[in-house]
């Protein structure tokens, strides 16, 4: 029986996912395919390349205060709050020393989700469509209004979370009857039904992409519907969900290293606590 690993985004809340994946790696828990959105897609890279984040993650958190990583200065200079040239350039190559060979040689597949501005729908890129700069991943992380539109393989793209923040349904569509899902919101969370941005503001920036504007206006409903899918699948025994044991109190753009480290450690602790039940779920899935 095919089983997928589904990773939600969430900006800096993604450090929770980094902690959870650290535990999965250290326990040699692998999946045939990983579905990643935004920060989830970034975390999928290190998971597939088998680069442990326990020590590396703690070290990388220190870069959260680096102006090259995230700053208003970046926004003014480049149009993006996050310094993608630094993150996917110097950080990926010189600081992380990303293991491209292990990543591309691995039998584990990846599906990186971004939002197609022309259709307002999610589009997924597999390993064969990723370049050295991980442009598809950059697109998946490019948040509306604080990042530039990414042109790639004929698409105009932004954050995958705009159209499919939790790509569980894509994994099911691809034939994965069971899934392990890592969320970055606790069980009590529901998104406020009010859109994050007024339509008028979105229209000024994205008036040429009316389908994308519509998707943004429906994003709260989309997110809550996807949470409902997770819960139904979980109740039916078809999904195993790893989620924060208590609410993560941090913004999507959090820079405080202590806060980020607490999020990272929560991911480690929650995943470690779930290992016995996860083992049972995986054993049943292999039958």
Protein backbone atom coordinates (compact mmCIF):
# COMPACT_ATOMS: atom_id res chain seq x y z
CA UNK A 1 0.00 0.00 0.00
CA UNK A 2 1.45 3.37 -1.06
CA UNK A 3 2.00 5.97 1.66
CA UNK A 4 2.89 9.66 1.32
CA UNK A 5 4.46 12.25 3.59
CA UNK A 6 2.61 15.58 3.51
CA UNK A 7 4.22 18.77 4.86
CA UNK A 8 2.29 21.97 5.53
CA UNK A 9 3.97 25.35 5.17
CA UNK A 10 3.63 28.20 7.65
CA UNK A 11 6.71 30.41 7.37
CA UNK A 12 8.86 30.23 10.49
CA UNK A 13 6.41 27.75 12.03
CA UNK A 14 8.14 25.39 9.61
CA UNK A 15 10.82 24.90 12.27
CA UNK A 16 8.27 22.59 13.91
CA UNK A 17 8.36 20.43 10.78
CA UNK A 18 12.16 20.55 10.78
CA UNK A 19 12.13 19.12 14.30
CA UNK A 20 9.66 16.38 13.38
CA UNK A 21 11.62 15.37 10.27
CA UNK A 22 14.80 15.20 12.33
CA UNK A 23 13.19 12.44 14.41
CA UNK A 24 11.90 10.61 11.31
CA UNK A 25 15.39 10.68 9.77
CA UNK A 26 17.09 9.49 12.94
CA UNK A 27 14.67 6.57 13.11
CA UNK A 28 15.15 5.73 9.41
CA UNK A 29 11.50 6.33 8.60
CA UNK A 30 11.26 6.90 4.87
CA UNK A 31 8.42 7.48 2.44
CA UNK A 32 8.21 6.96 -1.33
CA UNK A 33 7.13 10.55 -1.94
CA UNK A 34 7.10 13.82 0.00
CA UNK A 35 4.60 16.60 -0.71
CA UNK A 36 5.84 20.01 0.45
CA UNK A 37 4.33 23.47 0.48
CA UNK A 38 6.40 26.60 1.23
CA UNK A 39 8.49 25.93 4.37
CA UNK A 40 7.41 22.30 4.08
CA UNK A 41 9.11 22.12 0.69
CA UNK A 42 12.34 23.54 2.14
CA UNK A 43 12.27 20.96 4.92
CA UNK A 44 11.67 18.20 2.39
CA UNK A 45 15.00 19.04 0.74
CA UNK A 46 17.08 18.22 3.82
CA UNK A 47 14.93 15.19 4.60
CA UNK A 48 15.51 13.66 1.17
CA UNK A 49 19.21 14.58 1.15
CA UNK A 50 19.52 12.86 4.56
CA UNK A 51 21.09 15.93 6.16
CA UNK A 52 20.13 15.84 9.82
CA UNK A 53 18.77 19.09 11.19
CA UNK A 54 19.19 18.42 14.94
CA UNK A 55 22.50 20.29 15.21
CA UNK A 56 22.35 22.00 11.84
CA UNK A 57 18.87 23.32 12.60
CA UNK A 58 19.95 24.88 15.86
CA UNK A 59 22.88 26.51 14.07
CA UNK A 60 20.70 27.75 11.21
CA UNK A 61 18.22 29.35 13.59
CA UNK A 62 20.95 31.80 14.49
CA UNK A 63 20.75 33.16 10.93
CA UNK A 64 17.18 34.31 11.61
CA UNK A 65 18.62 37.61 12.84
CA UNK A 66 20.80 38.07 9.76
CA UNK A 67 19.49 40.96 7.66
CA UNK A 68 20.29 38.97 4.54
CA UNK A 69 17.82 36.29 5.65
CA UNK A 70 14.76 38.37 6.43
CA UNK A 71 14.50 42.15 6.64
CA UNK A 72 12.66 45.24 5.51
CA UNK A 73 15.89 46.21 3.78
CA UNK A 74 15.55 43.13 1.58
CA UNK A 75 11.98 44.16 0.76
CA UNK A 76 13.05 47.65 -0.24
CA UNK A 77 16.00 46.47 -2.32
CA UNK A 78 14.59 43.37 -3.99
CA UNK A 79 10.83 43.37 -3.49
CA UNK A 80 11.04 40.35 -1.18
CA UNK A 81 11.13 40.34 2.62
CA UNK A 82 13.10 37.08 2.52
CA UNK A 83 16.56 37.18 0.96
CA UNK A 84 16.10 34.32 -1.48
CA UNK A 85 19.42 35.03 -3.21
CA UNK A 86 21.11 34.48 0.16
CA UNK A 87 18.92 31.57 1.29
CA UNK A 88 19.12 29.60 -1.95
CA UNK A 89 22.58 30.85 -2.83
CA UNK A 90 25.21 31.24 -0.12
CA UNK A 91 23.18 29.49 2.57
CA UNK A 92 22.29 26.46 0.43
CA UNK A 93 25.72 26.06 -1.13
CA UNK A 94 28.28 27.38 1.35
CA UNK A 95 26.63 27.18 4.76
CA UNK A 96 24.38 24.14 4.48
CA UNK A 97 26.57 22.43 1.87
CA UNK A 98 23.42 20.90 0.44
CA UNK A 99 24.06 17.36 -0.75
CA UNK A 100 22.73 17.54 -4.32
CA UNK A 101 24.01 14.07 -5.22
CA UNK A 102 22.23 12.31 -2.36
CA UNK A 103 19.10 14.34 -3.02
CA UNK A 104 18.86 13.61 -6.74
CA UNK A 105 20.05 10.00 -6.41
CA UNK A 106 17.53 9.21 -3.68
CA UNK A 107 14.57 7.03 -4.68
CA UNK A 108 12.39 9.30 -2.53
CA UNK A 109 10.38 11.56 -4.79
CA UNK A 110 9.28 15.13 -4.07
CA UNK A 111 6.29 17.18 -5.17
CA UNK A 112 6.78 20.91 -4.56
CA UNK A 113 3.54 22.88 -4.63
CA UNK A 114 3.26 26.49 -5.80
CA UNK A 115 0.32 28.60 -6.98
CA UNK A 116 -0.17 29.31 -10.69
CA UNK A 117 -1.27 32.95 -10.83
CA UNK A 118 -3.09 32.53 -14.13
CA UNK A 119 -5.40 29.79 -12.85
CA UNK A 120 -5.29 30.37 -9.09
CA UNK A 121 -4.68 26.63 -8.74
CA UNK A 122 -1.84 24.62 -7.26
CA UNK A 123 0.82 23.26 -9.59
CA UNK A 124 3.37 20.68 -8.48
CA UNK A 125 6.97 20.18 -9.59
CA UNK A 126 8.79 16.89 -9.24
CA UNK A 127 12.50 16.22 -8.81
CA UNK A 128 13.18 16.22 -12.54
CA UNK A 129 11.90 19.81 -12.72
CA UNK A 130 14.11 21.21 -9.97
CA UNK A 131 17.19 23.22 -10.86
CA UNK A 132 20.33 23.89 -8.82
CA UNK A 133 18.81 27.04 -7.29
CA UNK A 134 15.60 25.20 -6.35
CA UNK A 135 13.55 27.86 -8.14
CA UNK A 136 10.33 25.89 -7.72
CA UNK A 137 10.91 25.85 -3.96
CA UNK A 138 11.56 29.59 -4.01
CA UNK A 139 8.23 30.03 -5.78
CA UNK A 140 6.50 27.85 -3.21
CA UNK A 141 7.83 30.18 -0.46
CA UNK A 142 7.12 33.49 -2.21
CA UNK A 143 4.39 35.09 -0.11
CA UNK A 144 1.97 37.53 -1.77
CA UNK A 145 2.73 41.25 -1.44
CA UNK A 146 6.10 40.67 0.25
CA UNK A 147 7.78 38.61 -2.48
CA UNK A 148 8.22 38.86 -6.21
CA UNK A 149 6.36 36.73 -8.71
CA UNK A 150 8.57 33.83 -9.82
CA UNK A 151 8.60 32.95 -13.51
CA UNK A 152 9.50 29.31 -14.02
CA UNK A 153 8.87 26.72 -16.74
CA UNK A 154 6.23 28.91 -18.35
CA UNK A 155 4.36 29.62 -15.11
CA UNK A 156 3.94 32.78 -13.07
CA UNK A 157 4.10 31.55 -9.47
CA UNK A 158 3.69 32.48 -5.82
CA UNK A 159 3.30 30.71 -2.47
CA UNK A 160 1.76 27.26 -2.69
CA UNK A 161 -0.16 27.96 0.50
CA UNK A 162 -2.40 30.38 -1.39
CA UNK A 163 -4.13 27.53 -3.20
CA UNK A 164 -3.29 24.28 -1.35
CA UNK A 165 -1.75 24.89 2.08
CA UNK A 166 -2.02 21.23 3.11
CA UNK A 167 -1.42 19.06 0.01
CA UNK A 168 -3.05 15.91 1.40
CA UNK A 169 -5.66 15.73 -1.35
CA UNK A 170 -2.90 15.86 -3.98
CA UNK A 171 -1.20 12.90 -2.36
CA UNK A 172 -4.48 10.99 -2.29
CA UNK A 173 -5.10 11.92 -5.94
CA UNK A 174 -1.67 10.48 -6.80
CA UNK A 175 -2.72 7.13 -5.33
CA UNK A 176 -1.37 7.27 -1.78
CA UNK A 177 -4.09 5.55 0.21
CA UNK A 178 -2.43 6.39 3.51
CA UNK A 179 -0.46 9.46 4.54
CA UNK A 180 1.59 10.88 7.35
CA UNK A 181 0.83 14.59 7.66
CA UNK A 182 2.93 17.16 9.54
CA UNK A 183 0.94 20.28 10.39
CA UNK A 184 2.22 23.52 11.92
CA UNK A 185 -1.03 24.41 13.71
CA UNK A 186 -2.41 22.72 16.83
CA UNK A 187 -5.63 20.69 16.86
CA UNK A 188 -7.83 23.58 18.05
CA UNK A 189 -6.84 25.93 15.24
CA UNK A 190 -9.30 27.22 12.65
CA UNK A 191 -8.48 30.08 10.30
CA UNK A 192 -10.51 33.25 10.68
CA UNK A 193 -13.01 33.30 7.77
CA UNK A 194 -12.12 36.91 6.98
CA UNK A 195 -9.61 37.16 4.08
CA UNK A 196 -6.11 38.26 5.05
CA UNK A 197 -6.11 41.13 2.54
CA UNK A 198 -8.93 43.24 1.05
CA UNK A 199 -9.75 42.45 -2.54
CA UNK A 200 -8.95 46.07 -3.45
CA UNK A 201 -5.37 45.70 -2.18
CA UNK A 202 -4.85 42.42 -4.02
CA UNK A 203 -6.35 43.90 -7.20
CA UNK A 204 -3.80 46.73 -7.23
CA UNK A 205 -0.91 44.24 -7.19
CA UNK A 206 -2.45 41.27 -9.02
CA UNK A 207 -5.17 42.78 -11.18
CA UNK A 208 -3.82 40.88 -14.19
CA UNK A 209 -4.48 37.61 -12.34
CA UNK A 210 -8.16 37.62 -11.30
CA UNK A 211 -8.18 33.87 -10.62
CA UNK A 212 -5.36 34.32 -8.14
CA UNK A 213 -7.21 37.17 -6.41
CA UNK A 214 -10.25 34.90 -6.12
CA UNK A 215 -8.10 32.15 -4.63
CA UNK A 216 -6.72 34.55 -2.05
CA UNK A 217 -10.21 35.69 -1.07
CA UNK A 218 -11.21 32.04 -0.55
CA UNK A 219 -8.00 31.05 1.23
CA UNK A 220 -9.48 30.85 4.76
CA UNK A 221 -12.24 28.55 3.51
CA UNK A 222 -9.70 26.49 1.55
CA UNK A 223 -7.48 26.06 4.60
CA UNK A 224 -10.30 25.06 6.92
CA UNK A 225 -11.63 22.61 4.34
CA UNK A 226 -8.20 21.00 4.11
CA UNK A 227 -8.05 20.73 7.89
CA UNK A 228 -11.40 18.92 7.70
CA UNK A 229 -9.97 16.50 5.13
CA UNK A 230 -7.07 15.78 7.49
CA UNK A 231 -9.42 15.08 10.36
CA UNK A 232 -11.68 12.82 8.30
CA UNK A 233 -8.72 10.86 7.00
CA UNK A 234 -7.28 10.65 10.51
CA UNK A 235 -10.58 9.42 11.95
CA UNK A 236 -10.84 6.81 9.20
CA UNK A 237 -7.35 5.53 10.02
CA UNK A 238 -5.99 6.64 6.65
CA UNK A 239 -3.83 9.49 7.95
CA UNK A 240 -1.45 9.85 10.86
CA UNK A 241 -1.18 13.51 11.81
CA UNK A 242 1.75 15.03 13.70
CA UNK A 243 0.73 18.47 14.94
CA UNK A 244 1.90 20.94 17.61
CA UNK A 245 0.90 19.76 21.08
CA UNK A 246 0.05 23.36 21.96
CA UNK A 247 -0.38 26.55 19.92
CA UNK A 248 2.73 28.00 18.30
CA UNK A 249 2.87 31.64 19.33
CA UNK A 250 4.96 33.21 16.59
CA UNK A 251 4.43 35.18 13.42
CA UNK A 252 5.15 33.83 9.97
CA UNK A 253 8.16 36.17 9.95
CA UNK A 254 9.46 35.40 13.47
CA UNK A 255 13.14 36.27 13.95
CA UNK A 256 13.77 35.59 17.63
CA UNK A 257 16.19 32.63 17.89
CA UNK A 258 14.84 31.52 21.28
CA UNK A 259 11.28 31.39 19.95
CA UNK A 260 12.35 29.50 16.84
CA UNK A 261 14.37 27.03 18.88
CA UNK A 262 11.34 26.35 21.10
CA UNK A 263 9.29 25.62 17.98
CA UNK A 264 12.03 23.31 16.67
CA UNK A 265 12.28 21.46 19.99
CA UNK A 266 8.50 21.06 20.16
CA UNK A 267 8.62 19.34 16.77
CA UNK A 268 11.29 16.96 18.05
CA UNK A 269 9.43 16.20 21.28
CA UNK A 270 6.01 15.76 19.67
CA UNK A 271 7.36 13.46 16.98
CA UNK A 272 9.33 11.39 19.49
CA UNK A 273 6.17 11.01 21.60
CA UNK A 274 4.23 9.86 18.55
CA UNK A 275 6.72 7.16 17.47
CA UNK A 276 4.93 4.15 19.06
CA UNK A 277 1.60 5.02 17.42
CA UNK A 278 3.31 6.02 14.18
CA UNK A 279 5.08 2.65 14.13
CA UNK A 280 1.74 0.87 14.38
CA UNK A 281 0.28 3.01 11.60
CA UNK A 282 3.22 2.31 9.30
CA UNK A 283 3.09 -1.41 10.06
CA UNK A 284 -0.61 -1.50 9.16
CA UNK A 285 0.12 0.45 5.99
CA UNK A 286 2.67 -2.13 4.85
CA UNK A 287 0.20 -5.02 5.14
